[in-house]
PDB file of all heavy atoms in Angstrom:
ATOM      1  N   LEU A   1      -6.452  -6.265 -13.936  1.00  0.00           N
ATOM      2  CA  LEU A   1      -7.821  -6.241 -14.467  1.00  0.00           C
ATOM      3  C   LEU A   1      -7.851  -6.137 -15.995  1.00  0.00           C
ATOM      4  O   LEU A   1      -8.926  -6.156 -16.598  1.00  0.00           O
ATOM      5  CB  LEU A   1      -8.598  -5.071 -13.855  1.00  0.00           C
ATOM      6  CG  LEU A   1      -8.907  -5.180 -12.355  1.00  0.00           C
ATOM      7  CD1 LEU A   1      -9.455  -3.861 -11.815  1.00  0.00           C
ATOM      8  CD2 LEU A   1      -9.906  -6.311 -12.085  1.00  0.00           C
ATOM      9  N   ALA A   2      -6.646  -6.000 -16.573  1.00  0.00           N
ATOM     10  CA  ALA A   2      -6.503  -5.930 -18.033  1.00  0.00           C
ATOM     11  C   ALA A   2      -7.272  -4.765 -18.643  1.00  0.00           C
ATOM     12  O   ALA A   2      -7.941  -4.902 -19.667  1.00  0.00           O
ATOM     13  CB  ALA A   2      -6.946  -7.248 -18.673  1.00  0.00           C
ATOM     14  N   ILE A   3      -7.180  -3.601 -17.989  1.00  0.00           N
ATOM     15  CA  ILE A   3      -7.785  -2.384 -18.527  1.00  0.00           C
ATOM     16  C   ILE A   3      -6.774  -1.252 -18.381  1.00  0.00           C
ATOM     17  O   ILE A   3      -5.818  -1.353 -17.610  1.00  0.00           O
ATOM     18  CB  ILE A   3      -9.107  -2.021 -17.812  1.00  0.00           C
ATOM     19  CG1 ILE A   3      -8.861  -1.804 -16.306  1.00  0.00           C
ATOM     20  CG2 ILE A   3     -10.168  -3.073 -18.045  1.00  0.00           C
ATOM     21  CD1 ILE A   3     -10.100  -1.338 -15.553  1.00  0.00           C
ATOM     22  N   SER A   4      -6.999  -0.165 -19.111  1.00  0.00           N
ATOM     23  CA  SER A   4      -6.083   0.969 -19.044  1.00  0.00           C
ATOM     24  C   SER A   4      -6.290   1.751 -17.749  1.00  0.00           C
ATOM     25  O   SER A   4      -7.313   1.591 -17.063  1.00  0.00           O
ATOM     26  CB  SER A   4      -6.299   1.890 -20.233  1.00  0.00           C
ATOM     27  OG  SER A   4      -7.563   2.538 -20.126  1.00  0.00           O
ATOM     28  N   ARG A   5      -5.343   2.619 -17.417  1.00  0.00           N
ATOM     29  CA  ARG A   5      -5.471   3.454 -16.225  1.00  0.00           C
ATOM     30  C   ARG A   5      -6.686   4.369 -16.316  1.00  0.00           C
ATOM     31  O   ARG A   5      -7.371   4.609 -15.332  1.00  0.00           O
ATOM     32  CB  ARG A   5      -4.213   4.308 -16.040  1.00  0.00           C
ATOM     33  CG  ARG A   5      -3.020   3.547 -15.495  1.00  0.00           C
ATOM     34  CD  ARG A   5      -1.905   4.492 -15.106  1.00  0.00           C
ATOM     35  NE  ARG A   5      -2.339   5.428 -14.068  1.00  0.00           N
ATOM     36  CZ  ARG A   5      -1.551   6.373 -13.570  1.00  0.00           C
ATOM     37  NH1 ARG A   5      -0.315   6.541 -14.032  1.00  0.00           N
ATOM     38  NH2 ARG A   5      -1.996   7.180 -12.620  1.00  0.00           N
ATOM     39  N   VAL A   6      -6.941   4.862 -17.528  1.00  0.00           N
ATOM     40  CA  VAL A   6      -8.088   5.749 -17.731  1.00  0.00           C
ATOM     41  C   VAL A   6      -9.395   4.990 -17.477  1.00  0.00           C
ATOM     42  O   VAL A   6     -10.309   5.496 -16.809  1.00  0.00           O
ATOM     43  CB  VAL A   6      -8.073   6.348 -19.150  1.00  0.00           C
ATOM     44  CG1 VAL A   6      -9.367   7.129 -19.405  1.00  0.00           C
ATOM     45  CG2 VAL A   6      -6.859   7.240 -19.340  1.00  0.00           C
ATOM     46  N   GLN A   7      -9.472   3.772 -18.022  1.00  0.00           N
ATOM     47  CA  GLN A   7     -10.677   2.954 -17.817  1.00  0.00           C
ATOM     48  C   GLN A   7     -10.865   2.628 -16.334  1.00  0.00           C
ATOM     49  O   GLN A   7     -11.988   2.645 -15.827  1.00  0.00           O
ATOM     50  CB  GLN A   7     -10.572   1.659 -18.623  1.00  0.00           C
ATOM     51  CG  GLN A   7     -10.724   1.841 -20.124  1.00  0.00           C
ATOM     52  CD  GLN A   7     -10.494   0.539 -20.872  1.00  0.00           C
ATOM     53  OE1 GLN A   7      -9.512  -0.166 -20.628  1.00  0.00           O
ATOM     54  NE2 GLN A   7     -11.395   0.217 -21.779  1.00  0.00           N
ATOM     55  N   LEU A   8      -9.762   2.313 -15.652  1.00  0.00           N
ATOM     56  CA  LEU A   8      -9.837   2.008 -14.223  1.00  0.00           C
ATOM     57  C   LEU A   8     -10.349   3.214 -13.449  1.00  0.00           C
ATOM     58  O   LEU A   8     -11.225   3.079 -12.577  1.00  0.00           O
ATOM     59  CB  LEU A   8      -8.451   1.602 -13.702  1.00  0.00           C
ATOM     60  CG  LEU A   8      -8.393   1.277 -12.199  1.00  0.00           C
ATOM     61  CD1 LEU A   8      -9.141  -0.020 -11.905  1.00  0.00           C
ATOM     62  CD2 LEU A   8      -6.946   1.173 -11.712  1.00  0.00           C
ATOM     63  N   TYR A   9      -9.819   4.382 -13.776  1.00  0.00           N
ATOM     64  CA  TYR A   9     -10.236   5.600 -13.088  1.00  0.00           C
ATOM     65  C   TYR A   9     -11.739   5.826 -13.258  1.00  0.00           C
ATOM     66  O   TYR A   9     -12.461   6.077 -12.288  1.00  0.00           O
ATOM     67  CB  TYR A   9      -9.460   6.804 -13.610  1.00  0.00           C
ATOM     68  CG  TYR A   9      -9.833   8.102 -12.919  1.00  0.00           C
ATOM     69  CD1 TYR A   9      -9.162   8.514 -11.779  1.00  0.00           C
ATOM     70  CD2 TYR A   9     -10.880   8.891 -13.396  1.00  0.00           C
ATOM     71  CE1 TYR A   9      -9.514   9.687 -11.126  1.00  0.00           C
ATOM     72  CE2 TYR A   9     -11.251  10.063 -12.752  1.00  0.00           C
ATOM     73  CZ  TYR A   9     -10.560  10.454 -11.621  1.00  0.00           C
ATOM     74  OH  TYR A   9     -10.928  11.610 -10.986  1.00  0.00           O
ATOM     75  N   ARG A  10     -12.200   5.726 -14.506  1.00  0.00           N
ATOM     76  CA  ARG A  10     -13.619   5.980 -14.785  1.00  0.00           C
ATOM     77  C   ARG A  10     -14.521   4.969 -14.063  1.00  0.00           C
ATOM     78  O   ARG A  10     -15.564   5.319 -13.510  1.00  0.00           O
ATOM     79  CB  ARG A  10     -13.866   5.924 -16.285  1.00  0.00           C
ATOM     80  CG  ARG A  10     -13.277   7.114 -17.047  1.00  0.00           C
ATOM     81  CD  ARG A  10     -13.429   6.916 -18.537  1.00  0.00           C
ATOM     82  NE  ARG A  10     -12.913   8.069 -19.292  1.00  0.00           N
ATOM     83  CZ  ARG A  10     -12.724   8.071 -20.611  1.00  0.00           C
ATOM     84  NH1 ARG A  10     -13.015   6.982 -21.325  1.00  0.00           N
ATOM     85  NH2 ARG A  10     -12.262   9.151 -21.217  1.00  0.00           N
ATOM     86  N   LYS A  11     -14.096   3.710 -14.081  1.00  0.00           N
ATOM     87  CA  LYS A  11     -14.917   2.649 -13.498  1.00  0.00           C
ATOM     88  C   LYS A  11     -15.000   2.787 -11.977  1.00  0.00           C
ATOM     89  O   LYS A  11     -16.078   2.735 -11.382  1.00  0.00           O
ATOM     90  CB  LYS A  11     -14.300   1.290 -13.861  1.00  0.00           C
ATOM     91  CG  LYS A  11     -15.242   0.116 -13.716  1.00  0.00           C
ATOM     92  CD  LYS A  11     -16.105  -0.030 -14.945  1.00  0.00           C
ATOM     93  CE  LYS A  11     -16.819  -1.368 -14.960  1.00  0.00           C
ATOM     94  NZ  LYS A  11     -17.772  -1.475 -16.081  1.00  0.00           N
ATOM     95  N   ILE A  12     -13.840   2.939 -11.342  1.00  0.00           N
ATOM     96  CA  ILE A  12     -13.799   3.059  -9.880  1.00  0.00           C
ATOM     97  C   ILE A  12     -14.520   4.325  -9.421  1.00  0.00           C
ATOM     98  O   ILE A  12     -15.270   4.324  -8.440  1.00  0.00           O
ATOM     99  CB  ILE A  12     -12.346   3.063  -9.370  1.00  0.00           C
ATOM    100  CG1 ILE A  12     -11.668   1.715  -9.647  1.00  0.00           C
ATOM    101  CG2 ILE A  12     -12.294   3.382  -7.879  1.00  0.00           C
ATOM    102  CD1 ILE A  12     -12.264   0.562  -8.895  1.00  0.00           C
ATOM    103  N   LYS A  13     -14.307   5.416 -10.124  1.00  0.00           N
ATOM    104  CA  LYS A  13     -14.952   6.681  -9.780  1.00  0.00           C
ATOM    105  C   LYS A  13     -16.463   6.566  -9.900  1.00  0.00           C
ATOM    106  O   LYS A  13     -17.215   7.053  -9.044  1.00  0.00           O
ATOM    107  CB  LYS A  13     -14.437   7.791 -10.706  1.00  0.00           C
ATOM    108  CG  LYS A  13     -14.899   9.186 -10.327  1.00  0.00           C
ATOM    109  CD  LYS A  13     -14.267   9.662  -9.033  1.00  0.00           C
ATOM    110  CE  LYS A  13     -14.624  11.106  -8.728  1.00  0.00           C
ATOM    111  NZ  LYS A  13     -14.108  11.535  -7.420  1.00  0.00           N
ATOM    112  N   LYS A  14     -16.917   5.888 -10.937  1.00  0.00           N
ATOM    113  CA  LYS A  14     -18.355   5.712 -11.176  1.00  0.00           C
ATOM    114  C   LYS A  14     -18.998   4.877 -10.066  1.00  0.00           C
ATOM    115  O   LYS A  14     -20.103   5.191  -9.588  1.00  0.00           O
ATOM    116  CB  LYS A  14     -18.570   5.037 -12.530  1.00  0.00           C
ATOM    117  CG  LYS A  14     -19.998   4.557 -12.779  1.00  0.00           C
ATOM    118  CD  LYS A  14     -20.053   3.650 -14.008  1.00  0.00           C
ATOM    119  CE  LYS A  14     -21.404   2.957 -14.108  1.00  0.00           C
ATOM    120  NZ  LYS A  14     -21.432   1.941 -15.185  1.00  0.00           N
ATOM    121  N   LEU A  15     -18.321   3.822  -9.634  1.00  0.00           N
ATOM    122  CA  LEU A  15     -18.918   2.880  -8.696  1.00  0.00           C
ATOM    123  C   LEU A  15     -18.710   3.241  -7.229  1.00  0.00           C
ATOM    124  O   LEU A  15     -19.507   2.840  -6.366  1.00  0.00           O
ATOM    125  CB  LEU A  15     -18.366   1.470  -8.944  1.00  0.00           C
ATOM    126  CG  LEU A  15     -18.696   0.861 -10.311  1.00  0.00           C
ATOM    127  CD1 LEU A  15     -17.975  -0.465 -10.498  1.00  0.00           C
ATOM    128  CD2 LEU A  15     -20.196   0.670 -10.474  1.00  0.00           C
ATOM    129  N   THR A  16     -17.649   3.973  -6.918  1.00  0.00           N
ATOM    130  CA  THR A  16     -17.339   4.243  -5.505  1.00  0.00           C
ATOM    131  C   THR A  16     -17.221   5.719  -5.154  1.00  0.00           C
ATOM    132  O   THR A  16     -17.111   6.055  -3.972  1.00  0.00           O
ATOM    133  CB  THR A  16     -16.013   3.564  -5.113  1.00  0.00           C
ATOM    134  OG1 THR A  16     -14.929   4.223  -5.786  1.00  0.00           O
ATOM    135  CG2 THR A  16     -16.015   2.087  -5.471  1.00  0.00           C
ATOM    136  N   ASP A  17     -17.204   6.592  -6.177  1.00  0.00           N
ATOM    137  CA  ASP A  17     -16.979   8.025  -5.954  1.00  0.00           C
ATOM    138  C   ASP A  17     -15.580   8.311  -5.409  1.00  0.00           C
ATOM    139  O   ASP A  17     -15.337   9.362  -4.815  1.00  0.00           O
ATOM    140  CB  ASP A  17     -18.025   8.628  -5.002  1.00  0.00           C
ATOM    141  CG  ASP A  17     -19.347   8.893  -5.721  1.00  0.00           C
ATOM    142  OD1 ASP A  17     -19.319   9.109  -6.949  1.00  0.00           O
ATOM    143  OD2 ASP A  17     -20.393   8.868  -5.056  1.00  0.00           O
ATOM    144  N   LYS A  18     -14.680   7.344  -5.581  1.00  0.00           N
ATOM    145  CA  LYS A  18     -13.294   7.522  -5.149  1.00  0.00           C
ATOM    146  C   LYS A  18     -12.363   7.394  -6.355  1.00  0.00           C
ATOM    147  O   LYS A  18     -12.698   6.717  -7.332  1.00  0.00           O
ATOM    148  CB  LYS A  18     -12.897   6.453  -4.116  1.00  0.00           C
ATOM    149  CG  LYS A  18     -13.578   6.545  -2.775  1.00  0.00           C
ATOM    150  CD  LYS A  18     -13.027   5.465  -1.851  1.00  0.00           C
ATOM    151  CE  LYS A  18     -13.597   5.580  -0.445  1.00  0.00           C
ATOM    152  NZ  LYS A  18     -14.999   5.158  -0.371  1.00  0.00           N
ATOM    153  N   THR A  19     -11.203   8.028  -6.262  1.00  0.00           N
ATOM    154  CA  THR A  19     -10.169   7.782  -7.261  1.00  0.00           C
ATOM    155  C   THR A  19      -9.591   6.395  -6.977  1.00  0.00           C
ATOM    156  O   THR A  19      -9.718   5.884  -5.853  1.00  0.00           O
ATOM    157  CB  THR A  19      -9.046   8.823  -7.177  1.00  0.00           C
ATOM    158  OG1 THR A  19      -8.367   8.663  -5.918  1.00  0.00           O
ATOM    159  CG2 THR A  19      -9.595  10.239  -7.297  1.00  0.00           C
ATOM    160  N   PRO A  20      -8.930   5.749  -7.953  1.00  0.00           N
ATOM    161  CA  PRO A  20      -8.326   4.432  -7.681  1.00  0.00           C
ATOM    162  C   PRO A  20      -7.365   4.459  -6.500  1.00  0.00           C
ATOM    163  O   PRO A  20      -7.355   3.522  -5.686  1.00  0.00           O
ATOM    164  CB  PRO A  20      -7.600   4.123  -9.000  1.00  0.00           C
ATOM    165  CG  PRO A  20      -8.416   4.816 -10.033  1.00  0.00           C
ATOM    166  CD  PRO A  20      -8.852   6.097  -9.381  1.00  0.00           C
ATOM    167  N   ALA A  21      -6.560   5.520  -6.384  1.00  0.00           N
ATOM    168  CA  ALA A  21      -5.610   5.608  -5.272  1.00  0.00           C
ATOM    169  C   ALA A  21      -6.346   5.667  -3.933  1.00  0.00           C
ATOM    170  O   ALA A  21      -5.966   4.983  -2.968  1.00  0.00           O
ATOM    171  CB  ALA A  21      -4.723   6.833  -5.441  1.00  0.00           C
ATOM    172  N   ASP A  22      -7.414   6.469  -3.859  1.00  0.00           N
ATOM    173  CA  ASP A  22      -8.198   6.571  -2.627  1.00  0.00           C
ATOM    174  C   ASP A  22      -8.917   5.255  -2.323  1.00  0.00           C
ATOM    175  O   ASP A  22      -9.038   4.851  -1.166  1.00  0.00           O
ATOM    176  CB  ASP A  22      -9.231   7.696  -2.744  1.00  0.00           C
ATOM    177  CG  ASP A  22      -8.595   9.078  -2.706  1.00  0.00           C
ATOM    178  OD1 ASP A  22      -7.455   9.182  -2.222  1.00  0.00           O
ATOM    179  OD2 ASP A  22      -9.234  10.037  -3.186  1.00  0.00           O
ATOM    180  N   PHE A  23      -9.391   4.597  -3.376  1.00  0.00           N
ATOM    181  CA  PHE A  23     -10.087   3.322  -3.243  1.00  0.00           C
ATOM    182  C   PHE A  23      -9.166   2.267  -2.642  1.00  0.00           C
ATOM    183  O   PHE A  23      -9.544   1.545  -1.715  1.00  0.00           O
ATOM    184  CB  PHE A  23     -10.599   2.874  -4.610  1.00  0.00           C
ATOM    185  CG  PHE A  23     -11.156   1.482  -4.643  1.00  0.00           C
ATOM    186  CD1 PHE A  23     -12.336   1.170  -3.990  1.00  0.00           C
ATOM    187  CD2 PHE A  23     -10.502   0.474  -5.341  1.00  0.00           C
ATOM    188  CE1 PHE A  23     -12.857  -0.123  -4.030  1.00  0.00           C
ATOM    189  CE2 PHE A  23     -11.008  -0.807  -5.396  1.00  0.00           C
ATOM    190  CZ  PHE A  23     -12.189  -1.112  -4.725  1.00  0.00           C
ATOM    191  N   ILE A  24      -7.935   2.184  -3.155  1.00  0.00           N
ATOM    192  CA  ILE A  24      -6.955   1.207  -2.656  1.00  0.00           C
ATOM    193  C   ILE A  24      -6.572   1.521  -1.209  1.00  0.00           C
ATOM    194  O   ILE A  24      -6.507   0.639  -0.359  1.00  0.00           O
ATOM    195  CB  ILE A  24      -5.704   1.183  -3.559  1.00  0.00           C
ATOM    196  CG1 ILE A  24      -6.079   0.646  -4.951  1.00  0.00           C
ATOM    197  CG2 ILE A  24      -4.599   0.326  -2.946  1.00  0.00           C
ATOM    198  CD1 ILE A  24      -4.977   0.772  -5.988  1.00  0.00           C
ATOM    199  N   ARG A  25      -6.346   2.808  -0.921  1.00  0.00           N
ATOM    200  CA  ARG A  25      -5.986   3.214   0.442  1.00  0.00           C
ATOM    201  C   ARG A  25      -7.116   2.896   1.417  1.00  0.00           C
ATOM    202  O   ARG A  25      -6.888   2.396   2.523  1.00  0.00           O
ATOM    203  CB  ARG A  25      -5.670   4.705   0.485  1.00  0.00           C
ATOM    204  CG  ARG A  25      -5.138   5.179   1.844  1.00  0.00           C
ATOM    205  CD  ARG A  25      -4.986   6.690   1.916  1.00  0.00           C
ATOM    206  NE  ARG A  25      -4.205   7.192   0.809  1.00  0.00           N
ATOM    207  CZ  ARG A  25      -4.698   7.933  -0.188  1.00  0.00           C
ATOM    208  NH1 ARG A  25      -5.983   8.273  -0.193  1.00  0.00           N
ATOM    209  NH2 ARG A  25      -3.931   8.351  -1.162  1.00  0.00           N
ATOM    210  N   SER A  26      -8.337   3.180   0.998  1.00  0.00           N
ATOM    211  CA  SER A  26      -9.497   2.912   1.851  1.00  0.00           C
ATOM    212  C   SER A  26      -9.633   1.417   2.136  1.00  0.00           C
ATOM    213  O   SER A  26      -9.941   1.014   3.261  1.00  0.00           O
ATOM    214  CB  SER A  26     -10.765   3.433   1.173  1.00  0.00           C
ATOM    215  OG  SER A  26     -11.907   3.137   1.933  1.00  0.00           O
ATOM    216  N   PHE A  27      -9.382   0.597   1.119  1.00  0.00           N
ATOM    217  CA  PHE A  27      -9.448  -0.861   1.302  1.00  0.00           C
ATOM    218  C   PHE A  27      -8.405  -1.317   2.326  1.00  0.00           C
ATOM    219  O   PHE A  27      -8.708  -2.102   3.226  1.00  0.00           O
ATOM    220  CB  PHE A  27      -9.210  -1.560  -0.032  1.00  0.00           C
ATOM    221  CG  PHE A  27      -9.248  -3.065   0.058  1.00  0.00           C
ATOM    222  CD1 PHE A  27     -10.453  -3.743   0.015  1.00  0.00           C
ATOM    223  CD2 PHE A  27      -8.071  -3.793   0.198  1.00  0.00           C
ATOM    224  CE1 PHE A  27     -10.490  -5.135   0.120  1.00  0.00           C
ATOM    225  CE2 PHE A  27      -8.100  -5.176   0.296  1.00  0.00           C
ATOM    226  CZ  PHE A  27      -9.306  -5.849   0.257  1.00  0.00           C
ATOM    227  N   ARG A  28      -7.192  -0.812   2.213  1.00  0.00           N
ATOM    228  CA  ARG A  28      -6.124  -1.177   3.150  1.00  0.00           C
ATOM    229  C   ARG A  28      -6.492  -0.753   4.577  1.00  0.00           C
ATOM    230  O   ARG A  28      -6.287  -1.492   5.542  1.00  0.00           O
ATOM    231  CB  ARG A  28      -4.813  -0.518   2.740  1.00  0.00           C
ATOM    232  CG  ARG A  28      -4.208  -1.021   1.428  1.00  0.00           C
ATOM    233  CD  ARG A  28      -2.845  -0.367   1.198  1.00  0.00           C
ATOM    234  NE  ARG A  28      -2.279  -0.664  -0.105  1.00  0.00           N
ATOM    235  CZ  ARG A  28      -1.617  -1.781  -0.411  1.00  0.00           C
ATOM    236  NH1 ARG A  28      -1.465  -2.702   0.517  1.00  0.00           N
ATOM    237  NH2 ARG A  28      -1.114  -1.969  -1.620  1.00  0.00           N
ATOM    238  N   LEU A  29      -7.033   0.458   4.739  1.00  0.00           N
ATOM    239  CA  LEU A  29      -7.400   0.960   6.059  1.00  0.00           C
ATOM    240  C   LEU A  29      -8.540   0.154   6.677  1.00  0.00           C
ATOM    241  O   LEU A  29      -8.549  -0.112   7.883  1.00  0.00           O
ATOM    242  CB  LEU A  29      -7.785   2.442   5.963  1.00  0.00           C
ATOM    243  CG  LEU A  29      -6.636   3.405   5.663  1.00  0.00           C
ATOM    244  CD1 LEU A  29      -7.182   4.789   5.316  1.00  0.00           C
ATOM    245  CD2 LEU A  29      -5.671   3.489   6.852  1.00  0.00           C
ATOM    246  N   GLN A  30      -9.510  -0.227   5.857  1.00  0.00           N
ATOM    247  CA  GLN A  30     -10.621  -1.033   6.365  1.00  0.00           C
ATOM    248  C   GLN A  30     -10.139  -2.407   6.822  1.00  0.00           C
ATOM    249  O   GLN A  30     -10.624  -2.945   7.829  1.00  0.00           O
ATOM    250  CB  GLN A  30     -11.691  -1.171   5.291  1.00  0.00           C
ATOM    251  CG  GLN A  30     -12.468   0.105   5.047  1.00  0.00           C
ATOM    252  CD  GLN A  30     -13.392   0.012   3.850  1.00  0.00           C
ATOM    253  OE1 GLN A  30     -13.636  -1.071   3.322  1.00  0.00           O
ATOM    254  NE2 GLN A  30     -13.891   1.150   3.390  1.00  0.00           N
ATOM    255  N   GLU A  31      -9.179  -2.968   6.082  1.00  0.00           N
ATOM    256  CA  GLU A  31      -8.615  -4.250   6.498  1.00  0.00           C
ATOM    257  C   GLU A  31      -7.826  -4.091   7.797  1.00  0.00           C
ATOM    258  O   GLU A  31      -7.858  -4.971   8.668  1.00  0.00           O
ATOM    259  CB  GLU A  31      -7.702  -4.795   5.391  1.00  0.00           C
ATOM    260  CG  GLU A  31      -8.451  -5.310   4.171  1.00  0.00           C
ATOM    261  CD  GLU A  31      -9.354  -6.481   4.500  1.00  0.00           C
ATOM    262  OE1 GLU A  31      -8.897  -7.422   5.173  1.00  0.00           O
ATOM    263  OE2 GLU A  31     -10.536  -6.451   4.098  1.00  0.00           O
ATOM    264  N   ALA A  32      -7.125  -2.972   7.935  1.00  0.00           N
ATOM    265  CA  ALA A  32      -6.384  -2.715   9.169  1.00  0.00           C
ATOM    266  C   ALA A  32      -7.347  -2.565  10.352  1.00  0.00           C
ATOM    267  O   ALA A  32      -7.113  -3.113  11.443  1.00  0.00           O
ATOM    268  CB  ALA A  32      -5.542  -1.446   9.018  1.00  0.00           C
TER     269      ALA A  32
END
């Protein structure tokens, strides 16, 4: 996404209320 880890954290947290790690895990589980 061409952004820093800090920017990713803030953006994902703002939009989903999840940390990036939780967001990625949740996406994988939903696909499963």
